[in-house]
Protein backbone atom coordinates (compact mmCIF):
# COMPACT_ATOMS: atom_id res chain seq x y z
CA UNK A 1 8.71 11.13 -43.28
CA UNK A 2 5.84 10.10 -41.06
CA UNK A 3 2.40 11.11 -42.11
CA UNK A 4 -0.23 11.75 -39.48
CA UNK A 5 -3.83 11.25 -40.48
CA UNK A 6 -6.26 13.68 -38.92
CA UNK A 7 -10.00 13.80 -38.79
CA UNK A 8 -11.52 16.22 -41.27
CA UNK A 9 -11.75 19.74 -39.85
CA UNK A 10 -15.49 19.95 -40.46
CA UNK A 11 -16.28 16.84 -38.42
CA UNK A 12 -16.23 17.44 -34.62
CA UNK A 13 -15.35 14.71 -32.14
CA UNK A 14 -18.19 12.85 -30.52
CA UNK A 15 -18.46 13.87 -26.83
CA UNK A 16 -19.72 10.43 -25.69
CA UNK A 17 -16.79 8.80 -27.47
CA UNK A 18 -14.35 11.18 -25.78
CA UNK A 19 -15.89 10.40 -22.36
CA UNK A 20 -15.82 6.65 -23.00
CA UNK A 21 -12.17 6.78 -24.10
CA UNK A 22 -11.23 8.83 -21.04
CA UNK A 23 -12.99 6.42 -18.69
CA UNK A 24 -11.26 3.44 -20.30
CA UNK A 25 -7.87 5.13 -19.98
CA UNK A 26 -8.48 5.93 -16.31
CA UNK A 27 -9.61 2.35 -15.67
CA UNK A 28 -6.44 1.05 -17.29
CA UNK A 29 -4.27 3.29 -15.10
CA UNK A 30 -6.08 2.09 -11.96
CA UNK A 31 -5.69 -1.57 -12.96
CA UNK A 32 -1.96 -1.12 -13.60
CA UNK A 33 -1.49 0.60 -10.22
CA UNK A 34 -3.36 -2.18 -8.45
CA UNK A 35 -1.31 -4.84 -10.20
CA UNK A 36 1.82 -3.08 -9.00
CA UNK A 37 0.67 -2.34 -5.42
CA UNK A 38 -1.02 -5.60 -4.46
CA UNK A 39 2.15 -7.76 -4.57
CA UNK A 40 4.08 -5.10 -2.64
CA UNK A 41 1.35 -4.97 0.02
CA UNK A 42 1.29 -8.77 0.30
CA UNK A 43 5.07 -8.83 0.69
CA UNK A 44 4.97 -6.16 3.41
CA UNK A 45 2.22 -8.00 5.31
CA UNK A 46 4.18 -11.24 5.04
CA UNK A 47 7.28 -9.64 6.54
CA UNK A 48 5.20 -8.05 9.32
CA UNK A 49 3.53 -11.38 10.14
CA UNK A 50 6.89 -13.19 10.12
CA UNK A 51 8.44 -10.68 12.51
CA UNK A 52 5.41 -10.82 14.81
CA UNK A 53 5.42 -14.61 14.99
CA UNK A 54 9.19 -14.71 15.47
CA UNK A 55 8.93 -12.17 18.30
CA UNK A 56 6.13 -14.14 19.97
CA UNK A 57 8.13 -17.37 19.87
CA UNK A 58 11.25 -15.89 21.44
CA UNK A 59 12.05 -16.87 24.98
CA UNK A 60 11.08 -14.08 27.37
CA UNK A 61 13.86 -12.85 29.68
CA UNK A 62 13.58 -13.82 33.33
CA UNK A 63 12.00 -11.14 35.50
CA UNK A 64 14.04 -10.33 38.58
CA UNK A 65 12.36 -9.26 41.83
CA UNK A 66 12.69 -5.55 42.64
CA UNK A 67 15.78 -4.52 44.60
CA UNK A 68 15.26 -3.52 48.21
CA UNK A 69 16.72 -0.32 49.56
CA UNK A 70 18.79 -0.05 52.75
CA UNK A 71 15.67 0.31 54.89
CA UNK A 72 14.36 -3.07 53.76
CA UNK A 73 11.57 -1.62 51.71
CA UNK A 74 11.08 -2.30 48.05
CA UNK A 75 10.64 1.40 47.21
CA UNK A 76 6.95 1.39 46.41
């Protein structure tokens, strides 16, 4: 059976130690999230840049002049 060691009941926890531990835990969570999000953001920006460059290098379709109506006017 596992035995769990506890602090003596008469000795309270140190508030500064509790705050320091909490801050370190929060910092660790933030670092892990950043390590997970940064590569995903870089990948998304790479795909966006690739699509933008590919779209800019495509040949533009030829623009046809506007059709004239029966009266000889271009409809403007």
